[in-house]
Amino acid sequence: MNDYLVKALAFNGQIRAYAVRSTETVGEAQRRHGTWPTASAALGRAMTAGVMMGAMLKGEEKLTIKIEGGGPIGAILVDSNAKGEVRGYVTNPQVHFDLNEHGKLDVRRAVGTEGTLTVVKDIGMRDYFTGQVPIVSGELGEDFTYYFASSEQVPSSVGVGVLVNPDNTILASGGFVLQLMPGTDDQIITRIENRLKEIPPVSKLIEKGLTPEEILYELLGEENVKILETLPVSFTCNCSKERFGNAIISLGQEEITDMIENEGKAEAQCHFCNNIYVYSKEELEELREEAK
């Protein structure tokens, strides 16, 4: 099954809901960065939340998430957009610990709990929208839940989960976001709260083969859910040799001359996808001309 996301309404528009299967997408990030299991779970949870938040945008809008919790994994960065495209990396991909007291990957220990979760949205205006909240858990699902309630004033429940195979590949990854619209009936809120306590972790539902639609049916009851749209999801990086070339031009003639005389070439590596771009002496001379 390919990765995809669904947008839905439930209980006659009182609940806005999103669910996603992100197994292949997180698997691609794991392969590119060589993340160890705990780091994979942290990056995968952040990317899964990020792709659902991207789906809340429109057109060419995009967002960047930065999680800095003070833990050994370092910063987590995720970019996503309204088209289901997401990319991400962690500063220290080779981080892993023994399972926590619940028998799960110890994401909290890797991420840390002293720091911030920042979301920057580029919605095509001159100024970006920035929301920042303190990290409250380090498990990330609760942290995104707190972000929505605190920064966007939308009471929400965010579930994100990643299961990792013994060979470090990704077994299952996915998530959901449920958001209460203004004036939601108290009985519906209580019903959802009770269901959230009973339901298995979302990664287990994905492992069992449930689709994003079926995850929402499990959470909200099939008869209450109206699917609005489905969106393919993928790890997509927009880096290119031309973009890095422009960055080299911006360094100025002197710096480029240094590269030519000292190295005779230049290499640039994208943090997000690990692609490496090599510039020959001739290419650097062309870039130096453009820098004039």
Protein backbone atom coordinates (compact mmCIF):
# COMPACT_ATOMS: atom_id res chain seq x y z
CA MET A 1 0.00 0.00 0.00
CA ASN A 2 1.41 3.41 -0.93
CA ASP A 3 1.45 6.17 1.65
CA TYR A 4 -1.48 8.57 1.64
CA LEU A 5 -3.45 10.91 3.85
CA VAL A 6 -7.17 11.47 4.28
CA LYS A 7 -9.03 14.61 5.32
CA ALA A 8 -12.45 14.13 6.88
CA LEU A 9 -15.23 15.67 8.93
CA ALA A 10 -17.12 13.81 11.64
CA PHE A 11 -20.29 14.24 13.67
CA ASN A 12 -21.82 16.63 11.13
CA GLY A 13 -18.80 18.89 10.91
CA GLN A 14 -18.13 19.16 14.65
CA ILE A 15 -14.81 17.33 14.29
CA ARG A 16 -12.11 17.92 11.66
CA ALA A 17 -9.95 14.82 11.20
CA TYR A 18 -6.78 13.76 9.40
CA ALA A 19 -5.10 10.35 9.24
CA VAL A 20 -2.02 9.18 7.37
CA ARG A 21 0.00 6.11 6.56
CA SER A 22 3.64 7.26 6.34
CA THR A 23 5.56 3.94 6.40
CA GLU A 24 7.34 4.32 3.03
CA THR A 25 7.96 8.04 3.56
CA VAL A 26 9.63 7.53 6.94
CA GLY A 27 11.42 4.48 5.50
CA GLU A 28 12.94 6.71 2.81
CA ALA A 29 14.18 9.14 5.49
CA GLN A 30 15.62 6.22 7.48
CA ARG A 31 17.51 4.93 4.42
CA ARG A 32 18.87 8.33 3.45
CA HIS A 33 20.06 9.25 6.95
CA GLY A 34 20.91 5.81 8.37
CA THR A 35 18.93 6.57 11.52
CA TRP A 36 19.03 4.10 14.42
CA PRO A 37 15.67 2.94 15.87
CA THR A 38 15.05 5.61 18.53
CA ALA A 39 16.14 8.38 16.16
CA SER A 40 13.93 6.85 13.43
CA ALA A 41 10.93 6.93 15.76
CA ALA A 42 11.53 10.58 16.70
CA LEU A 43 12.09 11.71 13.10
CA GLY A 44 9.19 9.57 11.85
CA ARG A 45 6.76 10.96 14.41
CA ALA A 46 7.80 14.54 13.57
CA MET A 47 7.49 13.93 9.81
CA THR A 48 4.10 12.25 10.25
CA ALA A 49 2.76 15.20 12.25
CA GLY A 50 4.39 17.56 9.75
CA VAL A 51 2.75 16.02 6.69
CA MET A 52 -0.70 16.24 8.35
CA MET A 53 -0.06 19.89 9.29
CA GLY A 54 1.02 20.53 5.70
CA ALA A 55 -2.29 19.09 4.52
CA MET A 56 -4.05 21.84 6.50
CA LEU A 57 -2.44 24.43 4.19
CA LYS A 58 -3.56 25.51 0.71
CA GLY A 59 -1.94 25.92 -2.71
CA GLU A 60 1.76 26.76 -2.55
CA GLU A 61 1.83 27.31 1.22
CA LYS A 62 4.46 25.43 3.21
CA LEU A 63 5.76 25.08 6.75
CA THR A 64 8.89 24.21 8.71
CA ILE A 65 8.92 22.48 12.09
CA LYS A 66 11.95 22.67 14.38
CA ILE A 67 12.08 20.60 17.56
CA GLU A 68 14.88 21.40 20.00
CA GLY A 69 14.42 19.47 23.23
CA GLY A 70 17.98 19.43 24.49
CA GLY A 71 18.29 15.64 24.09
CA PRO A 72 21.14 13.69 22.43
CA ILE A 73 19.33 13.57 19.07
CA GLY A 74 19.84 17.34 18.69
CA ALA A 75 17.45 19.39 16.58
CA ILE A 76 14.80 17.76 14.38
CA LEU A 77 13.85 19.68 11.23
CA VAL A 78 10.84 18.91 9.04
CA ASP A 79 9.54 20.73 5.93
CA SER A 80 6.12 19.99 4.45
CA ASN A 81 3.57 21.51 2.10
CA ALA A 82 -0.08 21.29 1.02
CA LYS A 83 0.73 18.62 -1.61
CA GLY A 84 1.63 15.78 0.76
CA GLU A 85 5.37 16.31 0.28
CA VAL A 86 7.58 16.12 3.36
CA ARG A 87 11.28 15.92 4.16
CA GLY A 88 13.19 15.86 7.44
CA TYR A 89 16.40 15.13 9.30
CA VAL A 90 17.84 14.91 12.80
CA THR A 91 21.17 16.39 13.85
CA ASN A 92 22.44 13.10 15.32
CA PRO A 93 20.88 10.15 13.44
CA GLN A 94 22.83 7.44 15.30
CA VAL A 95 20.93 7.64 18.61
CA HIS A 96 19.34 4.59 20.22
CA PHE A 97 18.42 3.49 23.75
CA ASP A 98 16.90 0.47 25.45
CA LEU A 99 13.10 0.39 25.40
CA ASN A 100 11.33 2.52 28.02
CA GLU A 101 9.22 1.24 30.94
CA HIS A 102 6.26 0.79 28.55
CA GLY A 103 8.31 -1.42 26.23
CA LYS A 104 8.46 1.29 23.56
CA LEU A 105 11.26 3.20 21.84
CA ASP A 106 12.43 5.90 24.27
CA VAL A 107 11.73 8.94 22.09
CA ARG A 108 11.43 11.26 25.10
CA ARG A 109 15.00 10.47 26.18
CA ALA A 110 16.30 11.05 22.64
CA VAL A 111 14.40 14.32 22.07
CA GLY A 112 14.70 15.76 25.57
CA THR A 113 12.14 17.80 27.49
CA GLU A 114 13.94 21.13 27.93
CA GLY A 115 13.29 23.24 24.88
CA THR A 116 10.82 24.30 22.23
CA LEU A 117 8.71 23.18 19.29
CA THR A 118 8.59 25.89 16.62
CA VAL A 119 6.36 26.01 13.55
CA VAL A 120 7.02 28.58 10.80
CA LYS A 121 4.34 28.86 8.09
CA ASP A 122 4.98 30.46 4.73
CA ILE A 123 1.49 31.32 3.52
CA GLY A 124 2.59 33.60 0.71
CA MET A 125 2.43 36.85 2.72
CA ARG A 126 5.40 39.12 3.32
CA ASP A 127 5.70 38.00 6.95
CA TYR A 128 5.78 34.39 8.05
CA PHE A 129 3.51 33.07 10.79
CA THR A 130 5.59 31.65 13.66
CA GLY A 131 4.23 29.68 16.61
CA GLN A 132 6.44 28.39 19.40
CA VAL A 133 5.61 26.33 22.48
CA PRO A 134 7.68 24.67 25.19
CA ILE A 135 8.15 20.91 24.85
CA VAL A 136 5.82 19.32 27.39
CA SER A 137 6.54 15.62 26.91
CA GLY A 138 9.27 14.83 24.37
CA GLU A 139 7.09 11.97 23.06
CA LEU A 140 6.00 14.44 20.32
CA GLY A 141 2.31 13.44 19.99
CA GLU A 142 1.52 15.32 23.20
CA ASP A 143 3.82 18.15 22.12
CA PHE A 144 1.95 18.70 18.86
CA THR A 145 -1.36 18.42 20.76
CA TYR A 146 -0.13 21.21 23.06
CA TYR A 147 1.05 23.28 20.07
CA PHE A 148 -2.41 23.23 18.47
CA ALA A 149 -4.19 24.12 21.72
CA SER A 150 -1.72 26.81 22.78
CA SER A 151 -0.45 28.41 19.57
CA GLU A 152 -3.43 27.95 17.24
CA GLN A 153 -6.20 27.83 19.88
CA VAL A 154 -7.64 24.64 18.36
CA PRO A 155 -8.33 21.84 20.91
CA SER A 156 -6.82 18.77 19.23
CA SER A 157 -5.61 15.25 19.77
CA VAL A 158 -2.50 14.15 17.87
CA GLY A 159 -1.41 10.52 17.66
CA VAL A 160 1.82 9.58 15.87
CA GLY A 161 3.70 6.29 15.95
CA VAL A 162 6.57 4.42 14.32
CA LEU A 163 7.52 0.73 14.59
CA VAL A 164 11.06 -0.28 13.60
CA ASN A 165 12.20 -3.70 12.35
CA PRO A 166 15.23 -5.49 13.90
CA ASP A 167 17.27 -4.54 10.80
CA ASN A 168 16.49 -0.81 11.45
CA THR A 169 14.03 -0.52 8.53
CA ILE A 170 10.56 0.92 9.18
CA LEU A 171 7.80 -1.62 9.84
CA ALA A 172 4.90 0.79 10.25
CA SER A 173 4.37 4.53 10.61
CA GLY A 174 1.31 6.72 10.71
CA GLY A 175 -0.79 9.14 12.67
CA PHE A 176 -3.99 11.08 13.15
CA VAL A 177 -5.11 14.56 14.15
CA LEU A 178 -8.60 15.19 15.55
CA GLN A 179 -9.67 18.81 16.00
CA LEU A 180 -12.74 20.16 17.77
CA MET A 181 -14.67 22.85 15.95
CA PRO A 182 -16.18 25.67 18.06
CA GLY A 183 -19.30 24.53 19.89
CA THR A 184 -18.63 20.79 19.72
CA ASP A 185 -21.16 18.84 21.80
CA ASP A 186 -19.78 17.77 25.23
CA GLN A 187 -21.10 14.23 24.76
CA ILE A 188 -19.07 13.88 21.56
CA ILE A 189 -15.94 15.16 23.32
CA THR A 190 -16.41 12.61 26.14
CA ARG A 191 -17.01 9.82 23.63
CA ILE A 192 -13.80 10.64 21.74
CA GLU A 193 -11.77 10.96 24.96
CA ASN A 194 -12.94 7.51 26.05
CA ARG A 195 -12.18 6.02 22.64
CA LEU A 196 -8.66 7.47 22.65
CA LYS A 197 -7.99 5.67 25.96
CA GLU A 198 -9.16 2.30 24.56
CA ILE A 199 -7.65 2.24 21.09
CA PRO A 200 -4.25 0.57 20.37
CA PRO A 201 -1.34 2.84 19.36
CA VAL A 202 -1.71 4.14 15.81
CA SER A 203 1.51 2.37 14.69
CA LYS A 204 -0.09 -0.96 15.71
CA LEU A 205 -3.19 -0.15 13.64
CA ILE A 206 -0.98 0.56 10.61
CA GLU A 207 0.96 -2.67 11.24
CA LYS A 208 -2.35 -4.58 11.24
CA GLY A 209 -2.99 -3.15 7.78
CA LEU A 210 -5.62 -0.53 8.60
CA THR A 211 -5.94 2.24 6.04
CA PRO A 212 -6.08 5.93 7.06
CA GLU A 213 -9.88 5.81 6.54
CA GLU A 214 -10.17 2.77 8.81
CA ILE A 215 -8.12 4.47 11.51
CA LEU A 216 -10.66 7.30 11.58
CA TYR A 217 -13.51 4.76 11.62
CA GLU A 218 -11.86 3.09 14.64
CA LEU A 219 -11.56 6.43 16.42
CA LEU A 220 -14.87 8.02 15.54
CA GLY A 221 -17.21 5.29 14.25
CA GLU A 222 -17.61 4.72 10.50
CA GLU A 223 -21.18 6.02 10.49
CA ASN A 224 -19.97 9.39 11.85
CA VAL A 225 -17.12 10.00 9.37
CA LYS A 226 -17.34 11.79 6.02
CA ILE A 227 -14.14 11.48 3.95
CA LEU A 228 -13.49 14.72 2.03
CA GLU A 229 -10.22 14.11 0.21
CA THR A 230 -7.25 11.76 -0.13
CA LEU A 231 -3.71 12.94 -0.83
CA PRO A 232 -0.62 10.89 -1.80
CA VAL A 233 2.26 11.33 0.66
CA SER A 234 5.98 11.07 -0.13
CA PHE A 235 9.48 12.00 0.99
CA THR A 236 10.30 14.79 -1.48
CA CYS A 237 13.30 17.12 -1.44
CA ASN A 238 13.42 20.22 -3.62
CA CYS A 239 17.20 20.62 -3.52
CA SER A 240 19.09 20.83 -6.82
CA LYS A 241 22.55 21.55 -8.21
CA GLU A 242 21.27 24.91 -9.45
CA ARG A 243 20.05 25.90 -5.95
CA PHE A 244 23.37 25.06 -4.34
CA GLY A 245 25.08 26.86 -7.23
CA ASN A 246 23.12 30.01 -6.37
CA ALA A 247 24.26 29.62 -2.76
CA ILE A 248 27.88 29.43 -3.94
CA ILE A 249 27.39 32.56 -6.08
CA SER A 250 26.11 34.40 -3.00
CA LEU A 251 29.45 33.71 -1.24
CA GLY A 252 31.11 36.19 -3.61
CA GLN A 253 34.06 36.11 -6.02
CA GLU A 254 36.78 36.04 -3.36
CA GLU A 255 35.40 32.95 -1.62
CA ILE A 256 34.88 31.15 -4.96
CA THR A 257 38.44 31.99 -6.04
CA ASP A 258 39.64 30.43 -2.76
CA MET A 259 37.76 27.22 -3.59
CA ILE A 260 39.24 27.10 -7.10
CA GLU A 261 42.84 27.72 -5.93
CA ASN A 262 42.79 25.53 -2.81
CA GLU A 263 40.54 22.62 -3.75
CA GLY A 264 40.01 22.86 -7.49
CA LYS A 265 36.39 21.80 -6.92
CA ALA A 266 33.54 22.12 -4.41
CA GLU A 267 31.06 19.73 -2.82
CA ALA A 268 27.70 20.57 -1.28
CA GLN A 269 25.50 18.17 0.63
CA CYS A 270 21.78 18.62 1.35
CA HIS A 271 20.93 18.12 5.03
CA PHE A 272 17.43 16.95 4.19
CA CYS A 273 18.12 14.19 1.63
CA ASN A 274 21.92 13.70 1.83
CA ASN A 275 22.35 14.17 -1.94
CA ILE A 276 25.85 15.42 -2.77
CA TYR A 277 26.50 17.91 -5.58
CA VAL A 278 30.03 18.25 -6.98
CA TYR A 279 31.22 21.37 -8.83
CA SER A 280 34.28 21.08 -11.07
CA LYS A 281 36.89 23.82 -11.42
CA GLU A 282 35.23 24.88 -14.70
CA GLU A 283 31.80 25.05 -13.08
CA LEU A 284 33.20 27.13 -10.22
CA GLU A 285 34.78 29.53 -12.72
CA GLU A 286 31.37 29.94 -14.38
CA LEU A 287 29.76 30.60 -10.97
CA ARG A 288 32.50 33.16 -10.20
CA GLU A 289 31.67 34.96 -13.45
CA GLU A 290 28.00 35.10 -12.38
CA ALA A 291 29.04 36.47 -9.00
CA LYS A 292 30.63 39.56 -10.61
